[in-house]
Amino acid sequence: RLSSLADQTPEGTSIVAYCAEQYGLPTRPQGSELHAEEVAF
């Protein structure tokens, strides 16, 4: 999920959605993630 937050391709967004659906993880950056350095695909 963390590695895909900056990946705006359909594949990247599908990974975030899968982790949210299967494991209840948030789909948007939370807390310290908001200030982390993202590496876009």
PDB file of all heavy atoms in Angstrom:
ATOM      1  N   ARG A   1       0.826  -1.206   0.000  1.00  0.00           N
ATOM      2  CA  ARG A   1       0.000   0.000   0.000  1.00  0.00           C
ATOM      3  C   ARG A   1       0.857   1.252   0.000  1.00  0.00           C
ATOM      4  O   ARG A   1       0.639   2.176  -0.795  1.00  0.00           O
ATOM      5  CB  ARG A   1      -0.923  -0.015   1.219  1.00  0.00           C
ATOM      6  CG  ARG A   1      -1.610   1.314   1.481  1.00  0.00           C
ATOM      7  CD  ARG A   1      -2.362   1.320   2.787  1.00  0.00           C
ATOM      8  NE  ARG A   1      -2.731   2.678   3.161  1.00  0.00           N
ATOM      9  CZ  ARG A   1      -1.966   3.517   3.849  1.00  0.00           C
ATOM     10  NH1 ARG A   1      -0.767   3.125   4.274  1.00  0.00           N
ATOM     11  NH2 ARG A   1      -2.378   4.740   4.127  1.00  0.00           N
ATOM     12  N   LEU A   2       1.847   1.323   0.903  1.00  0.00           N
ATOM     13  CA  LEU A   2       2.700   2.505   0.993  1.00  0.00           C
ATOM     14  C   LEU A   2       3.434   2.760  -0.323  1.00  0.00           C
ATOM     15  O   LEU A   2       3.549   3.905  -0.777  1.00  0.00           O
ATOM     16  CB  LEU A   2       3.706   2.329   2.131  1.00  0.00           C
ATOM     17  CG  LEU A   2       3.148   2.456   3.560  1.00  0.00           C
ATOM     18  CD1 LEU A   2       4.203   2.027   4.573  1.00  0.00           C
ATOM     19  CD2 LEU A   2       2.692   3.884   3.829  1.00  0.00           C
ATOM     20  N   SER A   3       3.912   1.692  -0.937  1.00  0.00           N
ATOM     21  CA  SER A   3       4.687   1.854  -2.180  1.00  0.00           C
ATOM     22  C   SER A   3       3.814   2.272  -3.355  1.00  0.00           C
ATOM     23  O   SER A   3       4.331   2.702  -4.389  1.00  0.00           O
ATOM     24  CB  SER A   3       5.403   0.545  -2.527  1.00  0.00           C
ATOM     25  OG  SER A   3       4.464  -0.475  -2.812  1.00  0.00           O
ATOM     26  N   SER A   4       2.488   2.142  -3.217  1.00  0.00           N
ATOM     27  CA  SER A   4       1.574   2.440  -4.327  1.00  0.00           C
ATOM     28  C   SER A   4       0.842   3.767  -4.166  1.00  0.00           C
ATOM     29  O   SER A   4       0.095   4.169  -5.059  1.00  0.00           O
ATOM     30  CB  SER A   4       0.540   1.312  -4.474  1.00  0.00           C
ATOM     31  OG  SER A   4       1.183   0.073  -4.695  1.00  0.00           O
ATOM     32  N   LEU A   5       1.030   4.462  -3.032  1.00  0.00           N
ATOM     33  CA  LEU A   5       0.325   5.721  -2.812  1.00  0.00           C
ATOM     34  C   LEU A   5       0.682   6.765  -3.860  1.00  0.00           C
ATOM     35  O   LEU A   5      -0.146   7.610  -4.229  1.00  0.00           O
ATOM     36  CB  LEU A   5       0.627   6.260  -1.410  1.00  0.00           C
ATOM     37  CG  LEU A   5      -0.009   5.498  -0.236  1.00  0.00           C
ATOM     38  CD1 LEU A   5       0.488   6.070   1.095  1.00  0.00           C
ATOM     39  CD2 LEU A   5      -1.532   5.561  -0.311  1.00  0.00           C
ATOM     40  N   ALA A   6       1.911   6.715  -4.337  1.00  0.00           N
ATOM     41  CA  ALA A   6       2.353   7.695  -5.334  1.00  0.00           C
ATOM     42  C   ALA A   6       2.179   7.202  -6.764  1.00  0.00           C
ATOM     43  O   ALA A   6       2.509   7.910  -7.715  1.00  0.00           O
ATOM     44  CB  ALA A   6       3.819   8.055  -5.092  1.00  0.00           C
ATOM     45  N   ASP A   7       1.684   5.984  -6.896  1.00  0.00           N
ATOM     46  CA  ASP A   7       1.512   5.384  -8.224  1.00  0.00           C
ATOM     47  C   ASP A   7       0.079   5.619  -8.685  1.00  0.00           C
ATOM     48  O   ASP A   7      -0.855   4.960  -8.228  1.00  0.00           O
ATOM     49  CB  ASP A   7       1.821   3.883  -8.148  1.00  0.00           C
ATOM     50  CG  ASP A   7       1.755   3.219  -9.520  1.00  0.00           C
ATOM     51  OD1 ASP A   7       1.452   3.917 -10.510  1.00  0.00           O
ATOM     52  OD2 ASP A   7       2.004   1.997  -9.580  1.00  0.00           O
ATOM     53  N   GLN A   8      -0.128   6.577  -9.576  1.00  0.00           N
ATOM     54  CA  GLN A   8      -1.462   6.933 -10.024  1.00  0.00           C
ATOM     55  C   GLN A   8      -1.905   6.166 -11.268  1.00  0.00           C
ATOM     56  O   GLN A   8      -2.941   6.475 -11.858  1.00  0.00           O
ATOM     57  CB  GLN A   8      -1.534   8.440 -10.303  1.00  0.00           C
ATOM     58  CG  GLN A   8      -1.350   9.286  -9.063  1.00  0.00           C
ATOM     59  CD  GLN A   8      -2.344   8.930  -7.965  1.00  0.00           C
ATOM     60  OE1 GLN A   8      -3.554   8.910  -8.190  1.00  0.00           O
ATOM     61  NE2 GLN A   8      -1.843   8.627  -6.768  1.00  0.00           N
ATOM     62  N   THR A   9      -1.126   5.156 -11.660  1.00  0.00           N
ATOM     63  CA  THR A   9      -1.575   4.308 -12.766  1.00  0.00           C
ATOM     64  C   THR A   9      -2.728   3.435 -12.273  1.00  0.00           C
ATOM     65  O   THR A   9      -2.891   3.219 -11.067  1.00  0.00           O
ATOM     66  CB  THR A   9      -0.437   3.408 -13.269  1.00  0.00           C
ATOM     67  OG1 THR A   9      -0.079   2.484 -12.229  1.00  0.00           O
ATOM     68  CG2 THR A   9       0.766   4.236 -13.679  1.00  0.00           C
ATOM     69  N   PRO A  10      -3.552   2.906 -13.187  1.00  0.00           N
ATOM     70  CA  PRO A  10      -4.645   2.020 -12.759  1.00  0.00           C
ATOM     71  C   PRO A  10      -4.139   0.823 -11.955  1.00  0.00           C
ATOM     72  O   PRO A  10      -4.814   0.371 -11.029  1.00  0.00           O
ATOM     73  CB  PRO A  10      -5.279   1.581 -14.083  1.00  0.00           C
ATOM     74  CG  PRO A  10      -4.985   2.697 -15.028  1.00  0.00           C
ATOM     75  CD  PRO A  10      -3.616   3.186 -14.639  1.00  0.00           C
ATOM     76  N   GLU A  11      -2.938   0.318 -12.302  1.00  0.00           N
ATOM     77  CA  GLU A  11      -2.391  -0.812 -11.562  1.00  0.00           C
ATOM     78  C   GLU A  11      -2.076  -0.406 -10.121  1.00  0.00           C
ATOM     79  O   GLU A  11      -2.367  -1.141  -9.170  1.00  0.00           O
ATOM     80  CB  GLU A  11      -1.127  -1.336 -12.255  1.00  0.00           C
ATOM     81  CG  GLU A  11      -1.372  -2.006 -13.598  1.00  0.00           C
ATOM     82  CD  GLU A  11      -1.525  -0.994 -14.728  1.00  0.00           C
ATOM     83  OE1 GLU A  11      -1.367   0.226 -14.465  1.00  0.00           O
ATOM     84  OE2 GLU A  11      -1.827  -1.416 -15.861  1.00  0.00           O
ATOM     85  N   GLY A  12      -1.490   0.788  -9.973  1.00  0.00           N
ATOM     86  CA  GLY A  12      -1.144   1.260  -8.635  1.00  0.00           C
ATOM     87  C   GLY A  12      -2.362   1.502  -7.776  1.00  0.00           C
ATOM     88  O   GLY A  12      -2.410   1.110  -6.603  1.00  0.00           O
ATOM     89  N   THR A  13      -3.385   2.146  -8.347  1.00  0.00           N
ATOM     90  CA  THR A  13      -4.600   2.406  -7.572  1.00  0.00           C
ATOM     91  C   THR A  13      -5.331   1.111  -7.233  1.00  0.00           C
ATOM     92  O   THR A  13      -5.997   1.015  -6.195  1.00  0.00           O
ATOM     93  CB  THR A  13      -5.539   3.343  -8.341  1.00  0.00           C
ATOM     94  OG1 THR A  13      -5.822   2.788  -9.636  1.00  0.00           O
ATOM     95  CG2 THR A  13      -4.919   4.713  -8.524  1.00  0.00           C
ATOM     96  N   SER A  14      -5.204   0.093  -8.113  1.00  0.00           N
ATOM     97  CA  SER A  14      -5.864  -1.184  -7.810  1.00  0.00           C
ATOM     98  C   SER A  14      -5.201  -1.881  -6.628  1.00  0.00           C
ATOM     99  O   SER A  14      -5.874  -2.584  -5.863  1.00  0.00           O
ATOM    100  CB  SER A  14      -5.841  -2.100  -9.041  1.00  0.00           C
ATOM    101  OG  SER A  14      -4.575  -2.712  -9.229  1.00  0.00           O
ATOM    102  N   ILE A  15      -3.899  -1.673  -6.443  1.00  0.00           N
ATOM    103  CA  ILE A  15      -3.203  -2.274  -5.294  1.00  0.00           C
ATOM    104  C   ILE A  15      -3.685  -1.631  -3.998  1.00  0.00           C
ATOM    105  O   ILE A  15      -3.974  -2.319  -3.008  1.00  0.00           O
ATOM    106  CB  ILE A  15      -1.679  -2.113  -5.451  1.00  0.00           C
ATOM    107  CG1 ILE A  15      -1.184  -2.921  -6.654  1.00  0.00           C
ATOM    108  CG2 ILE A  15      -0.952  -2.555  -4.182  1.00  0.00           C
ATOM    109  CD1 ILE A  15       0.261  -2.642  -7.035  1.00  0.00           C
ATOM    110  N   VAL A  16      -3.797  -0.295  -3.986  1.00  0.00           N
ATOM    111  CA  VAL A  16      -4.299   0.401  -2.795  1.00  0.00           C
ATOM    112  C   VAL A  16      -5.725  -0.051  -2.486  1.00  0.00           C
ATOM    113  O   VAL A  16      -6.075  -0.308  -1.323  1.00  0.00           O
ATOM    114  CB  VAL A  16      -4.241   1.934  -3.012  1.00  0.00           C
ATOM    115  CG1 VAL A  16      -4.880   2.658  -1.828  1.00  0.00           C
ATOM    116  CG2 VAL A  16      -2.797   2.390  -3.211  1.00  0.00           C
ATOM    117  N   ALA A  17      -6.551  -0.165  -3.531  1.00  0.00           N
ATOM    118  CA  ALA A  17      -7.937  -0.596  -3.332  1.00  0.00           C
ATOM    119  C   ALA A  17      -8.006  -2.029  -2.811  1.00  0.00           C
ATOM    120  O   ALA A  17      -8.833  -2.348  -1.942  1.00  0.00           O
ATOM    121  CB  ALA A  17      -8.711  -0.468  -4.641  1.00  0.00           C
ATOM    122  N   TYR A  18      -7.144  -2.905  -3.309  1.00  0.00           N
ATOM    123  CA  TYR A  18      -7.126  -4.305  -2.874  1.00  0.00           C
ATOM    124  C   TYR A  18      -6.751  -4.398  -1.391  1.00  0.00           C
ATOM    125  O   TYR A  18      -7.374  -5.144  -0.625  1.00  0.00           O
ATOM    126  CB  TYR A  18      -6.129  -5.083  -3.725  1.00  0.00           C
ATOM    127  CG  TYR A  18      -6.032  -6.555  -3.384  1.00  0.00           C
ATOM    128  CD1 TYR A  18      -6.913  -7.475  -3.942  1.00  0.00           C
ATOM    129  CD2 TYR A  18      -5.059  -7.024  -2.505  1.00  0.00           C
ATOM    130  CE1 TYR A  18      -6.822  -8.831  -3.634  1.00  0.00           C
ATOM    131  CE2 TYR A  18      -4.958  -8.374  -2.188  1.00  0.00           C
ATOM    132  CZ  TYR A  18      -5.850  -9.272  -2.756  1.00  0.00           C
ATOM    133  OH  TYR A  18      -5.765 -10.610  -2.436  1.00  0.00           O
ATOM    134  N   CYS A  19      -5.736  -3.633  -0.981  1.00  0.00           N
ATOM    135  CA  CYS A  19      -5.312  -3.650   0.422  1.00  0.00           C
ATOM    136  C   CYS A  19      -6.403  -3.089   1.338  1.00  0.00           C
ATOM    137  O   CYS A  19      -6.568  -3.550   2.477  1.00  0.00           O
ATOM    138  CB  CYS A  19      -4.017  -2.842   0.592  1.00  0.00           C
ATOM    139  SG  CYS A  19      -2.589  -3.588  -0.234  1.00  0.00           S
ATOM    140  N   ALA A  20      -7.141  -2.110   0.850  1.00  0.00           N
ATOM    141  CA  ALA A  20      -8.237  -1.560   1.645  1.00  0.00           C
ATOM    142  C   ALA A  20      -9.371  -2.567   1.788  1.00  0.00           C
ATOM    143  O   ALA A  20      -9.933  -2.755   2.868  1.00  0.00           O
ATOM    144  CB  ALA A  20      -8.742  -0.278   0.997  1.00  0.00           C
ATOM    145  N   GLU A  21      -9.686  -3.249   0.692  1.00  0.00           N
ATOM    146  CA  GLU A  21     -10.805  -4.190   0.694  1.00  0.00           C
ATOM    147  C   GLU A  21     -10.489  -5.449   1.490  1.00  0.00           C
ATOM    148  O   GLU A  21     -11.315  -5.936   2.265  1.00  0.00           O
ATOM    149  CB  GLU A  21     -11.166  -4.555  -0.753  1.00  0.00           C
ATOM    150  CG  GLU A  21     -12.324  -5.523  -0.869  1.00  0.00           C
ATOM    151  CD  GLU A  21     -12.614  -5.892  -2.321  1.00  0.00           C
ATOM    152  OE1 GLU A  21     -12.202  -5.132  -3.229  1.00  0.00           O
ATOM    153  OE2 GLU A  21     -13.239  -6.940  -2.540  1.00  0.00           O
ATOM    154  N   GLN A  22      -9.271  -5.973   1.309  1.00  0.00           N
ATOM    155  CA  GLN A  22      -8.928  -7.253   1.934  1.00  0.00           C
ATOM    156  C   GLN A  22      -8.388  -7.107   3.360  1.00  0.00           C
ATOM    157  O   GLN A  22      -8.564  -8.014   4.180  1.00  0.00           O
ATOM    158  CB  GLN A  22      -7.893  -7.981   1.069  1.00  0.00           C
ATOM    159  CG  GLN A  22      -8.374  -8.318  -0.332  1.00  0.00           C
ATOM    160  CD  GLN A  22      -9.517  -9.324  -0.324  1.00  0.00           C
ATOM    161  OE1 GLN A  22      -9.550 -10.228   0.507  1.00  0.00           O
ATOM    162  NE2 GLN A  22     -10.467  -9.157  -1.243  1.00  0.00           N
ATOM    163  N   TYR A  23      -7.734  -5.981   3.647  1.00  0.00           N
ATOM    164  CA  TYR A  23      -7.052  -5.857   4.946  1.00  0.00           C
ATOM    165  C   TYR A  23      -7.474  -4.617   5.731  1.00  0.00           C
ATOM    166  O   TYR A  23      -6.905  -4.326   6.778  1.00  0.00           O
ATOM    167  CB  TYR A  23      -5.534  -5.848   4.732  1.00  0.00           C
ATOM    168  CG  TYR A  23      -5.055  -7.092   4.006  1.00  0.00           C
ATOM    169  CD1 TYR A  23      -4.788  -7.051   2.643  1.00  0.00           C
ATOM    170  CD2 TYR A  23      -4.903  -8.304   4.677  1.00  0.00           C
ATOM    171  CE1 TYR A  23      -4.371  -8.179   1.963  1.00  0.00           C
ATOM    172  CE2 TYR A  23      -4.484  -9.452   4.006  1.00  0.00           C
ATOM    173  CZ  TYR A  23      -4.228  -9.373   2.642  1.00  0.00           C
ATOM    174  OH  TYR A  23      -3.815 -10.516   1.983  1.00  0.00           O
ATOM    175  N   GLY A  24      -8.431  -3.864   5.206  1.00  0.00           N
ATOM    176  CA  GLY A  24      -8.947  -2.718   5.939  1.00  0.00           C
ATOM    177  C   GLY A  24      -7.990  -1.559   6.064  1.00  0.00           C
ATOM    178  O   GLY A  24      -8.126  -0.734   6.988  1.00  0.00           O
ATOM    179  N   LEU A  25      -7.034  -1.448   5.165  1.00  0.00           N
ATOM    180  CA  LEU A  25      -6.056  -0.362   5.222  1.00  0.00           C
ATOM    181  C   LEU A  25      -6.616   0.890   4.540  1.00  0.00           C
ATOM    182  O   LEU A  25      -7.393   0.787   3.586  1.00  0.00           O
ATOM    183  CB  LEU A  25      -4.751  -0.787   4.548  1.00  0.00           C
ATOM    184  CG  LEU A  25      -4.054  -2.011   5.182  1.00  0.00           C
ATOM    185  CD1 LEU A  25      -2.822  -2.390   4.378  1.00  0.00           C
ATOM    186  CD2 LEU A  25      -3.681  -1.730   6.629  1.00  0.00           C
ATOM    187  N   PRO A  26      -6.227   2.076   5.003  1.00  0.00           N
ATOM    188  CA  PRO A  26      -6.754   3.313   4.409  1.00  0.00           C
ATOM    189  C   PRO A  26      -6.267   3.505   2.978  1.00  0.00           C
ATOM    190  O   PRO A  26      -5.175   3.061   2.607  1.00  0.00           O
ATOM    191  CB  PRO A  26      -6.217   4.413   5.333  1.00  0.00           C
ATOM    192  CG  PRO A  26      -5.037   3.810   6.015  1.00  0.00           C
ATOM    193  CD  PRO A  26      -5.323   2.342   6.156  1.00  0.00           C
ATOM    194  N   THR A  27      -7.083   4.176   2.177  1.00  0.00           N
ATOM    195  CA  THR A  27      -6.734   4.406   0.775  1.00  0.00           C
ATOM    196  C   THR A  27      -5.973   5.710   0.569  1.00  0.00           C
ATOM    197  O   THR A  27      -5.468   5.957  -0.524  1.00  0.00           O
ATOM    198  CB  THR A  27      -8.009   4.441  -0.086  1.00  0.00           C
ATOM    199  OG1 THR A  27      -8.883   5.457   0.414  1.00  0.00           O
ATOM    200  CG2 THR A  27      -8.723   3.094  -0.051  1.00  0.00           C
ATOM    201  N   ARG A  28      -5.885   6.549   1.599  1.00  0.00           N
ATOM    202  CA  ARG A  28      -5.182   7.826   1.489  1.00  0.00           C
ATOM    203  C   ARG A  28      -4.062   7.888   2.530  1.00  0.00           C
ATOM    204  O   ARG A  28      -4.113   7.184   3.546  1.00  0.00           O
ATOM    205  CB  ARG A  28      -6.148   8.992   1.699  1.00  0.00           C
ATOM    206  CG  ARG A  28      -7.234   9.079   0.646  1.00  0.00           C
ATOM    207  CD  ARG A  28      -8.166  10.247   0.916  1.00  0.00           C
ATOM    208  NE  ARG A  28      -9.211  10.333  -0.091  1.00  0.00           N
ATOM    209  CZ  ARG A  28      -9.069  10.935  -1.265  1.00  0.00           C
ATOM    210  NH1 ARG A  28      -7.924  11.525  -1.555  1.00  0.00           N
ATOM    211  NH2 ARG A  28     -10.065  10.960  -2.133  1.00  0.00           N
ATOM    212  N   PRO A  29      -3.053   8.728   2.308  1.00  0.00           N
ATOM    213  CA  PRO A  29      -1.969   8.874   3.301  1.00  0.00           C
ATOM    214  C   PRO A  29      -2.502   9.317   4.650  1.00  0.00           C
ATOM    215  O   PRO A  29      -3.413  10.142   4.734  1.00  0.00           O
ATOM    216  CB  PRO A  29      -1.069   9.944   2.671  1.00  0.00           C
ATOM    217  CG  PRO A  29      -1.366   9.896   1.205  1.00  0.00           C
ATOM    218  CD  PRO A  29      -2.813   9.535   1.098  1.00  0.00           C
ATOM    219  N   GLN A  30      -1.957   8.744   5.691  1.00  0.00           N
ATOM    220  CA  GLN A  30      -2.399   9.047   7.059  1.00  0.00           C
ATOM    221  C   GLN A  30      -1.192   9.511   7.890  1.00  0.00           C
ATOM    222  O   GLN A  30      -0.089   8.991   7.734  1.00  0.00           O
ATOM    223  CB  GLN A  30      -2.997   7.792   7.721  1.00  0.00           C
ATOM    224  CG  GLN A  30      -4.135   7.147   6.939  1.00  0.00           C
ATOM    225  CD  GLN A  30      -5.399   7.962   6.953  1.00  0.00           C
ATOM    226  OE1 GLN A  30      -5.799   8.454   8.017  1.00  0.00           O
ATOM    227  NE2 GLN A  30      -6.021   8.128   5.799  1.00  0.00           N
ATOM    228  N   GLY A  31      -1.394  10.459   8.792  1.00  0.00           N
ATOM    229  CA  GLY A  31      -0.372  10.867   9.758  1.00  0.00           C
ATOM    230  C   GLY A  31       0.945  11.237   9.120  1.00  0.00           C
ATOM    231  O   GLY A  31       1.041  12.128   8.259  1.00  0.00           O
ATOM    232  N   SER A  32       2.001  10.541   9.561  1.00  0.00           N
ATOM    233  CA  SER A  32       3.357  10.854   9.070  1.00  0.00           C
ATOM    234  C   SER A  32       3.504  10.611   7.578  1.00  0.00           C
ATOM    235  O   SER A  32       4.414  11.151   6.933  1.00  0.00           O
ATOM    236  CB  SER A  32       4.390  10.015   9.826  1.00  0.00           C
ATOM    237  OG  SER A  32       4.135   8.626   9.621  1.00  0.00           O
ATOM    238  N   GLU A  33       2.615   9.784   6.998  1.00  0.00           N
ATOM    239  CA  GLU A  33       2.687   9.508   5.560  1.00  0.00           C
ATOM    240  C   GLU A  33       2.456  10.775   4.737  1.00  0.00           C
ATOM    241  O   GLU A  33       2.926  10.891   3.603  1.00  0.00           O
ATOM    242  CB  GLU A  33       1.641   8.459   5.169  1.00  0.00           C
ATOM    243  CG  GLU A  33       1.839   7.120   5.867  1.00  0.00           C
ATOM    244  CD  GLU A  33       0.626   6.208   5.715  1.00  0.00           C
ATOM    245  OE1 GLU A  33      -0.324   6.563   4.978  1.00  0.00           O
ATOM    246  OE2 GLU A  33       0.628   5.146   6.354  1.00  0.00           O
ATOM    247  N   LEU A  34       1.725  11.733   5.328  1.00  0.00           N
ATOM    248  CA  LEU A  34       1.427  12.976   4.620  1.00  0.00           C
ATOM    249  C   LEU A  34       2.689  13.792   4.353  1.00  0.00           C
ATOM    250  O   LEU A  34       2.744  14.591   3.416  1.00  0.00           O
ATOM    251  CB  LEU A  34       0.428  13.811   5.417  1.00  0.00           C
ATOM    252  CG  LEU A  34      -0.983  13.215   5.564  1.00  0.00           C
ATOM    253  CD1 LEU A  34      -1.788  14.023   6.566  1.00  0.00           C
ATOM    254  CD2 LEU A  34      -1.687  13.206   4.211  1.00  0.00           C
ATOM    255  N   HIS A  35       3.709  13.613   5.213  1.00  0.00           N
ATOM    256  CA  HIS A  35       4.947  14.392   5.074  1.00  0.00           C
ATOM    257  C   HIS A  35       6.096  13.559   4.527  1.00  0.00           C
ATOM    258  O   HIS A  35       7.234  14.018   4.482  1.00  0.00           O
ATOM    259  CB  HIS A  35       5.332  14.971   6.438  1.00  0.00           C
ATOM    260  CG  HIS A  35       4.214  15.747   7.083  1.00  0.00           C
ATOM    261  ND1 HIS A  35       3.800  16.973   6.634  1.00  0.00           N
ATOM    262  CD2 HIS A  35       3.411  15.443   8.149  1.00  0.00           C
ATOM    263  CE1 HIS A  35       2.795  17.411   7.375  1.00  0.00           C
ATOM    264  NE2 HIS A  35       2.530  16.497   8.304  1.00  0.00           N
ATOM    265  N   ALA A  36       5.795  12.324   4.151  1.00  0.00           N
ATOM    266  CA  ALA A  36       6.839  11.458   3.602  1.00  0.00           C
ATOM    267  C   ALA A  36       7.160  11.872   2.168  1.00  0.00           C
ATOM    268  O   ALA A  36       6.378  12.571   1.505  1.00  0.00           O
ATOM    269  CB  ALA A  36       6.380  10.005   3.650  1.00  0.00           C
ATOM    270  N   GLU A  37       8.290  11.436   1.706  1.00  0.00           N
ATOM    271  CA  GLU A  37       8.704  11.741   0.333  1.00  0.00           C
ATOM    272  C   GLU A  37       8.234  10.613  -0.590  1.00  0.00           C
ATOM    273  O   GLU A  37       8.688   9.477  -0.479  1.00  0.00           O
ATOM    274  CB  GLU A  37      10.222  11.881   0.252  1.00  0.00           C
ATOM    275  CG  GLU A  37      10.702  12.282  -1.144  1.00  0.00           C
ATOM    276  CD  GLU A  37      12.212  12.454  -1.203  1.00  0.00           C
ATOM    277  OE1 GLU A  37      12.852  12.507  -0.136  1.00  0.00           O
ATOM    278  OE2 GLU A  37      12.742  12.528  -2.329  1.00  0.00           O
ATOM    279  N   GLU A  38       7.301  10.949  -1.471  1.00  0.00           N
ATOM    280  CA  GLU A  38       6.762   9.940  -2.383  1.00  0.00           C
ATOM    281  C   GLU A  38       7.617   9.841  -3.641  1.00  0.00           C
ATOM    282  O   GLU A  38       8.159  10.838  -4.130  1.00  0.00           O
ATOM    283  CB  GLU A  38       5.320  10.281  -2.763  1.00  0.00           C
ATOM    284  CG  GLU A  38       4.339  10.217  -1.590  1.00  0.00           C
ATOM    285  CD  GLU A  38       2.920  10.520  -2.013  1.00  0.00           C
ATOM    286  OE1 GLU A  38       2.747  11.128  -3.100  1.00  0.00           O
ATOM    287  OE2 GLU A  38       1.983  10.157  -1.280  1.00  0.00           O
ATOM    288  N   VAL A  39       7.711   8.637  -4.172  1.00  0.00           N
ATOM    289  CA  VAL A  39       8.458   8.383  -5.408  1.00  0.00           C
ATOM    290  C   VAL A  39       7.452   7.911  -6.450  1.00  0.00           C
ATOM    291  O   VAL A  39       6.958   6.776  -6.390  1.00  0.00           O
ATOM    292  CB  VAL A  39       9.553   7.321  -5.193  1.00  0.00           C
ATOM    293  CG1 VAL A  39      10.292   7.066  -6.504  1.00  0.00           C
ATOM    294  CG2 VAL A  39      10.506   7.746  -4.087  1.00  0.00           C
ATOM    295  N   ALA A  40       7.113   8.786  -7.367  1.00  0.00           N
ATOM    296  CA  ALA A  40       6.085   8.462  -8.361  1.00  0.00           C
ATOM    297  C   ALA A  40       6.596   7.443  -9.371  1.00  0.00           C
ATOM    298  O   ALA A  40       7.803   7.360  -9.647  1.00  0.00           O
ATOM    299  CB  ALA A  40       5.642   9.733  -9.081  1.00  0.00           C
ATOM    300  N   PHE A  41       5.667   6.686  -9.925  1.00  0.00           N
ATOM    301  CA  PHE A  41       6.012   5.718 -10.953  1.00  0.00           C
ATOM    302  C   PHE A  41       6.353   6.443 -12.258  1.00  0.00           C
ATOM    303  O   PHE A  41       5.675   7.389 -12.660  1.00  0.00           O
ATOM    304  CB  PHE A  41       4.839   4.766 -11.200  1.00  0.00           C
ATOM    305  CG  PHE A  41       5.063   3.805 -12.338  1.00  0.00           C
ATOM    306  CD1 PHE A  41       5.737   2.616 -12.120  1.00  0.00           C
ATOM    307  CD2 PHE A  41       4.628   4.106 -13.617  1.00  0.00           C
ATOM    308  CE1 PHE A  41       5.952   1.735 -13.165  1.00  0.00           C
ATOM    309  CE2 PHE A  41       4.841   3.237 -14.672  1.00  0.00           C
ATOM    310  CZ  PHE A  41       5.505   2.047 -14.449  1.00  0.00           C
TER     311      PHE A  41
END
